[in-house]
PDB file of N, CA and C in Angstrom:
ATOM      1  N   MET A   1       4.258   5.579  35.111  1.00  0.00           N
ATOM      2  CA  MET A   1       4.362   6.691  34.158  1.00  0.00           C
ATOM      3  C   MET A   1       3.890   6.179  32.730  1.00  0.00           C
ATOM      4  N   GLN A   2       4.418   4.941  32.437  1.00  0.00           N
ATOM      5  CA  GLN A   2       4.115   4.371  31.149  1.00  0.00           C
ATOM      6  C   GLN A   2       2.639   4.234  31.078  1.00  0.00           C
ATOM      7  N   ASP A   3       1.973   3.712  32.006  1.00  0.00           N
ATOM      8  CA  ASP A   3       0.503   3.619  31.989  1.00  0.00           C
ATOM      9  C   ASP A   3      -0.229   4.910  31.806  1.00  0.00           C
ATOM     10  N   ALA A   4       0.225   5.881  32.502  1.00  0.00           N
ATOM     11  CA  ALA A   4      -0.355   7.206  32.268  1.00  0.00           C
ATOM     12  C   ALA A   4      -0.093   7.728  30.893  1.00  0.00           C
ATOM     13  N   PHE A   5       0.966   7.521  30.256  1.00  0.00           N
ATOM     14  CA  PHE A   5       1.300   7.998  28.888  1.00  0.00           C
ATOM     15  C   PHE A   5       0.482   7.197  27.870  1.00  0.00           C
ATOM     16  N   THR A   6       0.367   5.862  28.124  1.00  0.00           N
ATOM     17  CA  THR A   6      -0.480   5.104  27.217  1.00  0.00           C
ATOM     18  C   THR A   6      -1.868   5.397  27.308  1.00  0.00           C
ATOM     19  N   SER A   7      -2.353   5.560  28.462  1.00  0.00           N
ATOM     20  CA  SER A   7      -3.897   5.940  28.493  1.00  0.00           C
ATOM     21  C   SER A   7      -4.143   7.353  27.949  1.00  0.00           C
ATOM     22  N   ARG A   8      -3.102   8.255  28.022  1.00  0.00           N
ATOM     23  CA  ARG A   8      -3.320   9.536  27.410  1.00  0.00           C
ATOM     24  C   ARG A   8      -3.254   9.562  25.786  1.00  0.00           C
ATOM     25  N   PHE A   9      -2.153   8.851  25.391  1.00  0.00           N
ATOM     26  CA  PHE A   9      -1.828   9.014  23.981  1.00  0.00           C
ATOM     27  C   PHE A   9      -1.977   7.752  23.176  1.00  0.00           C
ATOM     28  N   GLU A  10      -2.673   6.715  23.723  1.00  0.00           N
ATOM     29  CA  GLU A  10      -2.552   5.422  22.989  1.00  0.00           C
ATOM     30  C   GLU A  10      -3.318   5.605  21.650  1.00  0.00           C
ATOM     31  N   LYS A  11      -4.348   6.297  21.464  1.00  0.00           N
ATOM     32  CA  LYS A  11      -4.906   6.400  20.283  1.00  0.00           C
ATOM     33  C   LYS A  11      -4.130   7.185  19.169  1.00  0.00           C
ATOM     34  N   GLU A  12      -3.273   8.032  19.634  1.00  0.00           N
ATOM     35  CA  GLU A  12      -2.379   8.858  18.772  1.00  0.00           C
ATOM     36  C   GLU A  12      -1.092   8.123  18.334  1.00  0.00           C
ATOM     37  N   VAL A  13      -0.598   7.281  19.292  1.00  0.00           N
ATOM     38  CA  VAL A  13       0.686   6.621  19.135  1.00  0.00           C
ATOM     39  C   VAL A  13       0.619   5.384  18.374  1.00  0.00           C
ATOM     40  N   ARG A  14       0.915   5.366  17.050  1.00  0.00           N
ATOM     41  CA  ARG A  14       0.959   4.073  16.291  1.00  0.00           C
ATOM     42  C   ARG A  14       2.104   3.878  15.497  1.00  0.00           C
ATOM     43  N   SER A  15       2.463   2.663  15.163  1.00  0.00           N
ATOM     44  CA  SER A  15       3.711   2.521  14.406  1.00  0.00           C
ATOM     45  C   SER A  15       3.567   2.996  13.014  1.00  0.00           C
ATOM     46  N   ARG A  16       4.769   3.119  12.472  1.00  0.00           N
ATOM     47  CA  ARG A  16       4.829   3.594  11.107  1.00  0.00           C
ATOM     48  C   ARG A  16       4.017   2.494  10.201  1.00  0.00           C
ATOM     49  N   GLY A  17       4.251   1.387  10.522  1.00  0.00           N
ATOM     50  CA  GLY A  17       3.614   0.341   9.655  1.00  0.00           C
ATOM     51  C   GLY A  17       2.092   0.437   9.682  1.00  0.00           C
ATOM     52  N   THR A  18       1.595   0.585  10.872  1.00  0.00           N
ATOM     53  CA  THR A  18       0.152   0.754  11.084  1.00  0.00           C
ATOM     54  C   THR A  18      -0.380   1.976  10.235  1.00  0.00           C
ATOM     55  N   VAL A  19       0.358   3.088  10.483  1.00  0.00           N
ATOM     56  CA  VAL A  19      -0.088   4.320   9.693  1.00  0.00           C
ATOM     57  C   VAL A  19      -0.146   3.963   8.180  1.00  0.00           C
ATOM     58  N   ALA A  20       1.113   3.313   7.748  1.00  0.00           N
ATOM     59  CA  ALA A  20       1.096   2.924   6.268  1.00  0.00           C
ATOM     60  C   ALA A  20       0.000   2.053   5.803  1.00  0.00           C
ATOM     61  N   ARG A  21      -0.355   0.974   6.608  1.00  0.00           N
ATOM     62  CA  ARG A  21      -1.388   0.123   6.234  1.00  0.00           C
ATOM     63  C   ARG A  21      -2.586   0.859   6.122  1.00  0.00           C
ATOM     64  N   ASP A  22      -3.015   1.728   7.174  1.00  0.00           N
ATOM     65  CA  ASP A  22      -4.273   2.504   7.162  1.00  0.00           C
ATOM     66  C   ASP A  22      -4.331   3.394   5.801  1.00  0.00           C
ATOM     67  N   LYS A  23      -3.205   4.003   5.455  1.00  0.00           N
ATOM     68  CA  LYS A  23      -3.336   4.753   4.372  1.00  0.00           C
ATOM     69  C   LYS A  23      -3.625   3.955   3.074  1.00  0.00           C
ATOM     70  N   LEU A  24      -3.028   2.862   2.901  1.00  0.00           N
ATOM     71  CA  LEU A  24      -3.263   1.983   1.870  1.00  0.00           C
ATOM     72  C   LEU A  24      -4.547   1.442   1.844  1.00  0.00           C
ATOM     73  N   PHE A  25      -5.168   1.032   2.950  1.00  0.00           N
ATOM     74  CA  PHE A  25      -6.579   0.417   3.147  1.00  0.00           C
ATOM     75  C   PHE A  25      -7.672   1.561   2.869  1.00  0.00           C
ATOM     76  N   SER A  26      -7.240   2.774   3.218  1.00  0.00           N
ATOM     77  CA  SER A  26      -8.298   3.758   3.066  1.00  0.00           C
ATOM     78  C   SER A  26      -8.162   4.504   1.797  1.00  0.00           C
ATOM     79  N   ARG A  27      -7.160   3.952   0.992  1.00  0.00           N
ATOM     80  CA  ARG A  27      -6.882   4.524  -0.461  1.00  0.00           C
ATOM     81  C   ARG A  27      -6.508   6.102  -0.518  1.00  0.00           C
ATOM     82  N   LYS A  28      -5.737   6.388   0.605  1.00  0.00           N
ATOM     83  CA  LYS A  28      -5.221   7.780   0.533  1.00  0.00           C
ATOM     84  C   LYS A  28      -3.814   7.873  -0.230  1.00  0.00           C
ATOM     85  N   ILE A  29      -3.266   6.726  -0.537  1.00  0.00           N
ATOM     86  CA  ILE A  29      -2.228   6.758  -1.543  1.00  0.00           C
ATOM     87  C   ILE A  29      -2.764   6.314  -2.932  1.00  0.00           C
ATOM     88  N   CYS A  30      -2.823   7.405  -3.775  1.00  0.00           N
ATOM     89  CA  CYS A  30      -3.348   7.355  -5.078  1.00  0.00           C
ATOM     90  C   CYS A  30      -2.593   8.178  -5.849  1.00  0.00           C
ATOM     91  N   MET A  31      -2.819   8.130  -7.271  1.00  0.00           N
ATOM     92  CA  MET A  31      -2.258   8.782  -8.208  1.00  0.00           C
ATOM     93  C   MET A  31      -2.805  10.094  -8.493  1.00  0.00           C
ATOM     94  N   ASN A  32      -2.197  11.180  -7.951  1.00  0.00           N
ATOM     95  CA  ASN A  32      -2.781  12.537  -8.195  1.00  0.00           C
ATOM     96  C   ASN A  32      -2.168  13.299  -9.185  1.00  0.00           C
ATOM     97  N   SER A  33      -0.855  13.023  -9.449  1.00  0.00           N
ATOM     98  CA  SER A  33      -0.116  13.680 -10.642  1.00  0.00           C
ATOM     99  C   SER A  33       0.532  12.804 -11.540  1.00  0.00           C
ATOM    100  N   SER A  34       1.699  12.594 -11.451  1.00  0.00           N
ATOM    101  CA  SER A  34       2.611  11.843 -12.369  1.00  0.00           C
ATOM    102  C   SER A  34       2.650  10.417 -11.844  1.00  0.00           C
ATOM    103  N   VAL A  35       2.943   9.487 -12.655  1.00  0.00           N
ATOM    104  CA  VAL A  35       3.134   8.075 -12.388  1.00  0.00           C
ATOM    105  C   VAL A  35       4.261   7.927 -11.461  1.00  0.00           C
ATOM    106  N   GLN A  36       5.395   8.738 -11.823  1.00  0.00           N
ATOM    107  CA  GLN A  36       6.771   8.515 -11.033  1.00  0.00           C
ATOM    108  C   GLN A  36       6.456   8.984  -9.547  1.00  0.00           C
ATOM    109  N   GLU A  37       5.721   9.970  -9.468  1.00  0.00           N
ATOM    110  CA  GLU A  37       5.315  10.576  -7.988  1.00  0.00           C
ATOM    111  C   GLU A  37       4.526   9.561  -7.261  1.00  0.00           C
ATOM    112  N   TYR A  38       3.609   8.948  -8.013  1.00  0.00           N
ATOM    113  CA  TYR A  38       2.744   7.878  -7.347  1.00  0.00           C
ATOM    114  C   TYR A  38       3.677   6.799  -6.909  1.00  0.00           C
ATOM    115  N   ILE A  39       4.589   6.255  -7.886  1.00  0.00           N
ATOM    116  CA  ILE A  39       5.559   5.152  -7.596  1.00  0.00           C
ATOM    117  C   ILE A  39       6.343   5.541  -6.384  1.00  0.00           C
ATOM    118  N   ASN A  40       6.924   6.794  -6.280  1.00  0.00           N
ATOM    119  CA  ASN A  40       7.753   7.126  -5.095  1.00  0.00           C
ATOM    120  C   ASN A  40       7.035   7.258  -3.823  1.00  0.00           C
ATOM    121  N   ASP A  41       5.714   7.687  -3.847  1.00  0.00           N
ATOM    122  CA  ASP A  41       4.866   7.762  -2.595  1.00  0.00           C
ATOM    123  C   ASP A  41       4.582   6.436  -2.188  1.00  0.00           C
ATOM    124  N   PHE A  42       4.162   5.464  -3.126  1.00  0.00           N
ATOM    125  CA  PHE A  42       3.855   4.065  -2.821  1.00  0.00           C
ATOM    126  C   PHE A  42       4.985   3.327  -2.249  1.00  0.00           C
ATOM    127  N   ARG A  43       6.162   3.426  -2.777  1.00  0.00           N
ATOM    128  CA  ARG A  43       7.392   2.801  -2.309  1.00  0.00           C
ATOM    129  C   ARG A  43       7.803   3.278  -0.817  1.00  0.00           C
ATOM    130  N   GLN A  44       7.597   4.635  -0.679  1.00  0.00           N
ATOM    131  CA  GLN A  44       7.740   5.114   0.774  1.00  0.00           C
ATOM    132  C   GLN A  44       6.895   4.490   1.838  1.00  0.00           C
ATOM    133  N   GLN A  45       5.647   4.294   1.426  1.00  0.00           N
ATOM    134  CA  GLN A  45       4.755   3.677   2.417  1.00  0.00           C
ATOM    135  C   GLN A  45       4.972   2.252   2.655  1.00  0.00           C
ATOM    136  N   ILE A  46       5.265   1.516   1.557  1.00  0.00           N
ATOM    137  CA  ILE A  46       5.527   0.042   1.796  1.00  0.00           C
ATOM    138  C   ILE A  46       6.805  -0.254   2.452  1.00  0.00           C
ATOM    139  N   LEU A  47       7.775   0.722   2.394  1.00  0.00           N
ATOM    140  CA  LEU A  47       8.977   0.495   3.186  1.00  0.00           C
ATOM    141  C   LEU A  47       8.782   0.154   4.804  1.00  0.00           C
ATOM    142  N   HIS A  48       7.626   0.795   5.201  1.00  0.00           N
ATOM    143  CA  HIS A  48       7.248   0.637   6.741  1.00  0.00           C
ATOM    144  C   HIS A  48       6.468  -0.626   6.963  1.00  0.00           C
ATOM    145  N   ILE A  49       6.260  -1.553   5.729  1.00  0.00           N
ATOM    146  CA  ILE A  49       5.587  -2.746   5.946  1.00  0.00           C
ATOM    147  C   ILE A  49       6.315  -3.804   5.363  1.00  0.00           C
ATOM    148  N   PRO A  50       7.374  -4.308   5.966  1.00  0.00           N
ATOM    149  CA  PRO A  50       8.253  -5.200   5.426  1.00  0.00           C
ATOM    150  C   PRO A  50       7.658  -6.617   5.338  1.00  0.00           C
ATOM    151  N   ASP A  51       6.650  -6.951   5.927  1.00  0.00           N
ATOM    152  CA  ASP A  51       6.028  -8.287   5.813  1.00  0.00           C
ATOM    153  C   ASP A  51       4.910  -8.444   4.856  1.00  0.00           C
ATOM    154  N   MET A  52       4.640  -7.304   4.062  1.00  0.00           N
ATOM    155  CA  MET A  52       3.650  -7.344   3.129  1.00  0.00           C
ATOM    156  C   MET A  52       3.882  -8.246   1.948  1.00  0.00           C
ATOM    157  N   HIS A  53       2.939  -9.085   1.625  1.00  0.00           N
ATOM    158  CA  HIS A  53       3.166 -10.087   0.478  1.00  0.00           C
ATOM    159  C   HIS A  53       3.263  -9.345  -0.842  1.00  0.00           C
ATOM    160  N   GLU A  54       3.969  -9.824  -1.693  1.00  0.00           N
ATOM    161  CA  GLU A  54       4.168  -9.215  -3.120  1.00  0.00           C
ATOM    162  C   GLU A  54       2.708  -9.082  -3.679  1.00  0.00           C
ATOM    163  N   GLU A  55       1.910 -10.073  -3.658  1.00  0.00           N
ATOM    164  CA  GLU A  55       0.612  -9.933  -4.225  1.00  0.00           C
ATOM    165  C   GLU A  55      -0.291  -8.822  -3.639  1.00  0.00           C
ATOM    166  N   ASP A  56      -0.095  -8.505  -2.367  1.00  0.00           N
ATOM    167  CA  ASP A  56      -0.778  -7.394  -1.848  1.00  0.00           C
ATOM    168  C   ASP A  56      -0.291  -6.033  -2.254  1.00  0.00           C
ATOM    169  N   LYS A  57       0.964  -6.031  -2.396  1.00  0.00           N
ATOM    170  CA  LYS A  57       1.656  -4.813  -2.865  1.00  0.00           C
ATOM    171  C   LYS A  57       1.184  -4.459  -4.205  1.00  0.00           C
ATOM    172  N   ILE A  58       0.947  -5.510  -5.123  1.00  0.00           N
ATOM    173  CA  ILE A  58       0.485  -5.242  -6.434  1.00  0.00           C
ATOM    174  C   ILE A  58      -0.936  -4.823  -6.414  1.00  0.00           C
ATOM    175  N   ARG A  59      -1.765  -5.617  -5.559  1.00  0.00           N
ATOM    176  CA  ARG A  59      -3.124  -5.184  -5.543  1.00  0.00           C
ATOM    177  C   ARG A  59      -3.337  -3.659  -5.056  1.00  0.00           C
ATOM    178  N   PHE A  60      -2.585  -3.265  -3.992  1.00  0.00           N
ATOM    179  CA  PHE A  60      -2.636  -1.846  -3.629  1.00  0.00           C
ATOM    180  C   PHE A  60      -2.077  -0.915  -4.593  1.00  0.00           C
ATOM    181  N   PHE A  61      -1.040  -1.199  -5.153  1.00  0.00           N
ATOM    182  CA  PHE A  61      -0.483  -0.457  -6.197  1.00  0.00           C
ATOM    183  C   PHE A  61      -1.657  -0.206  -7.330  1.00  0.00           C
ATOM    184  N   HIS A  62      -2.098  -1.155  -7.936  1.00  0.00           N
ATOM    185  CA  HIS A  62      -2.988  -1.207  -8.983  1.00  0.00           C
ATOM    186  C   HIS A  62      -4.223  -0.335  -8.514  1.00  0.00           C
ATOM    187  N   THR A  63      -4.673  -0.445  -7.281  1.00  0.00           N
ATOM    188  CA  THR A  63      -5.880   0.259  -6.904  1.00  0.00           C
ATOM    189  C   THR A  63      -5.691   1.634  -6.789  1.00  0.00           C
ATOM    190  N   GLY A  64      -4.519   2.221  -6.505  1.00  0.00           N
ATOM    191  CA  GLY A  64      -4.168   3.550  -6.411  1.00  0.00           C
ATOM    192  C   GLY A  64      -4.091   4.320  -7.772  1.00  0.00           C
ATOM    193  N   LEU A  65      -3.942   3.551  -8.848  1.00  0.00           N
ATOM    194  CA  LEU A  65      -3.781   4.067 -10.305  1.00  0.00           C
ATOM    195  C   LEU A  65      -5.091   4.850 -10.689  1.00  0.00           C
ATOM    196  N   THR A  66      -5.038   5.748 -11.560  1.00  0.00           N
ATOM    197  CA  THR A  66      -6.137   6.359 -12.044  1.00  0.00           C
ATOM    198  C   THR A  66      -6.834   5.348 -12.939  1.00  0.00           C
ATOM    199  N   PRO A  67      -8.226   5.594 -13.196  1.00  0.00           N
ATOM    200  CA  PRO A  67      -8.913   4.524 -13.947  1.00  0.00           C
ATOM    201  C   PRO A  67      -8.425   4.261 -15.357  1.00  0.00           C
ATOM    202  N   GLN A  68      -7.846   5.322 -15.907  1.00  0.00           N
ATOM    203  CA  GLN A  68      -7.359   5.036 -17.275  1.00  0.00           C
ATOM    204  C   GLN A  68      -6.306   4.085 -17.263  1.00  0.00           C
ATOM    205  N   LEU A  69      -5.497   4.055 -16.168  1.00  0.00           N
ATOM    206  CA  LEU A  69      -4.288   3.164 -16.197  1.00  0.00           C
ATOM    207  C   LEU A  69      -4.509   1.794 -15.496  1.00  0.00           C
ATOM    208  N   ARG A  70      -5.790   1.698 -14.764  1.00  0.00           N
ATOM    209  CA  ARG A  70      -5.971   0.558 -14.038  1.00  0.00           C
ATOM    210  C   ARG A  70      -6.551  -0.635 -14.966  1.00  0.00           C
ATOM    211  N   ILE A  71      -5.566  -1.367 -15.514  1.00  0.00           N
ATOM    212  CA  ILE A  71      -6.166  -2.541 -16.261  1.00  0.00           C
ATOM    213  C   ILE A  71      -5.861  -3.787 -15.371  1.00  0.00           C
ATOM    214  N   ASP A  72      -6.433  -4.993 -15.919  1.00  0.00           N
ATOM    215  CA  ASP A  72      -6.258  -6.303 -15.246  1.00  0.00           C
ATOM    216  C   ASP A  72      -4.611  -6.550 -15.167  1.00  0.00           C
ATOM    217  N   CYS A  73      -4.224  -6.914 -13.990  1.00  0.00           N
ATOM    218  CA  CYS A  73      -2.819  -7.268 -13.788  1.00  0.00           C
ATOM    219  C   CYS A  73      -2.725  -8.729 -13.470  1.00  0.00           C
ATOM    220  N   VAL A  74      -2.375  -9.644 -14.480  1.00  0.00           N
ATOM    221  CA  VAL A  74      -2.301 -11.027 -14.063  1.00  0.00           C
ATOM    222  C   VAL A  74      -0.899 -11.629 -14.290  1.00  0.00           C
ATOM    223  N   CYS A  75       0.008 -10.838 -14.581  1.00  0.00           N
ATOM    224  CA  CYS A  75       1.433 -11.406 -14.712  1.00  0.00           C
ATOM    225  C   CYS A  75       2.433 -10.532 -13.954  1.00  0.00           C
ATOM    226  N   THR A  76       3.673 -11.104 -13.840  1.00  0.00           N
ATOM    227  CA  THR A  76       4.678 -10.440 -13.207  1.00  0.00           C
ATOM    228  C   THR A  76       5.445  -9.483 -14.230  1.00  0.00           C
ATOM    229  N   ASN A  77       6.501  -8.838 -13.713  1.00  0.00           N
ATOM    230  CA  ASN A  77       7.310  -7.793 -14.549  1.00  0.00           C
ATOM    231  C   ASN A  77       7.895  -8.726 -15.769  1.00  0.00           C
ATOM    232  N   ASP A  78       8.212  -9.953 -15.454  1.00  0.00           N
ATOM    233  CA  ASP A  78       8.891 -10.667 -16.585  1.00  0.00           C
ATOM    234  C   ASP A  78       7.862 -11.554 -17.472  1.00  0.00           C
ATOM    235  N   GLY A  79       6.636 -11.346 -17.156  1.00  0.00           N
ATOM    236  CA  GLY A  79       5.611 -11.922 -17.940  1.00  0.00           C
ATOM    237  C   GLY A  79       5.052 -13.288 -17.637  1.00  0.00           C
ATOM    238  N   THR A  80       5.617 -13.845 -16.518  1.00  0.00           N
ATOM    239  CA  THR A  80       4.938 -15.035 -15.948  1.00  0.00           C
ATOM    240  C   THR A  80       3.735 -14.819 -15.357  1.00  0.00           C
ATOM    241  N   ASP A  81       2.767 -15.660 -15.462  1.00  0.00           N
ATOM    242  CA  ASP A  81       1.457 -15.631 -14.805  1.00  0.00           C
ATOM    243  C   ASP A  81       1.571 -15.818 -13.355  1.00  0.00           C
ATOM    244  N   PHE A  82       0.767 -14.920 -12.530  1.00  0.00           N
ATOM    245  CA  PHE A  82       0.649 -15.135 -11.077  1.00  0.00           C
ATOM    246  C   PHE A  82      -0.223 -16.405 -10.953  1.00  0.00           C
ATOM    247  N   THR A  83       0.131 -17.274 -10.055  1.00  0.00           N
ATOM    248  CA  THR A  83      -0.512 -18.476  -9.661  1.00  0.00           C
ATOM    249  C   THR A  83      -1.595 -18.293  -8.694  1.00  0.00           C
ATOM    250  N   SER A  84      -1.445 -17.309  -7.910  1.00  0.00           N
ATOM    251  CA  SER A  84      -2.562 -16.960  -6.835  1.00  0.00           C
ATOM    252  C   SER A  84      -3.525 -16.033  -7.327  1.00  0.00           C
ATOM    253  N   LEU A  85      -3.395 -15.300  -8.398  1.00  0.00           N
ATOM    254  CA  LEU A  85      -4.417 -14.358  -8.878  1.00  0.00           C
ATOM    255  C   LEU A  85      -5.181 -14.846 -10.032  1.00  0.00           C
ATOM    256  N   VAL A  86      -6.391 -14.515 -10.003  1.00  0.00           N
ATOM    257  CA  VAL A  86      -7.257 -14.818 -11.134  1.00  0.00           C
ATOM    258  C   VAL A  86      -7.744 -13.668 -11.779  1.00  0.00           C
ATOM    259  N   PRO A  87      -7.648 -13.498 -13.111  1.00  0.00           N
ATOM    260  CA  PRO A  87      -8.138 -12.172 -13.686  1.00  0.00           C
ATOM    261  C   PRO A  87      -9.645 -12.193 -13.644  1.00  0.00           C
ATOM    262  N   SER A  88      -9.935 -10.832 -13.394  1.00  0.00           N
ATOM    263  CA  SER A  88     -11.435 -10.626 -13.319  1.00  0.00           C
ATOM    264  C   SER A  88     -12.021 -10.328 -14.679  1.00  0.00           C
TER     265      SER A  88
END
């Protein structure tokens, strides 16, 4: 029975983490209205991806901002430089 279910619905049944990663990679999570709404949407998506590295979270968040807000991000919230990121 499990094989029959899998063969019928395998393409449709994906984990929440996979769906969240797909949304981030396809840039479906982006700033459409307020910054706060974008922050909330982004946080909801990354909750399903507990193993995502901090640098990746920052990159995806930065990518979803509007062009006016998208500036080079080279330091943490406390002002220390990222050692793994090089400013462009």
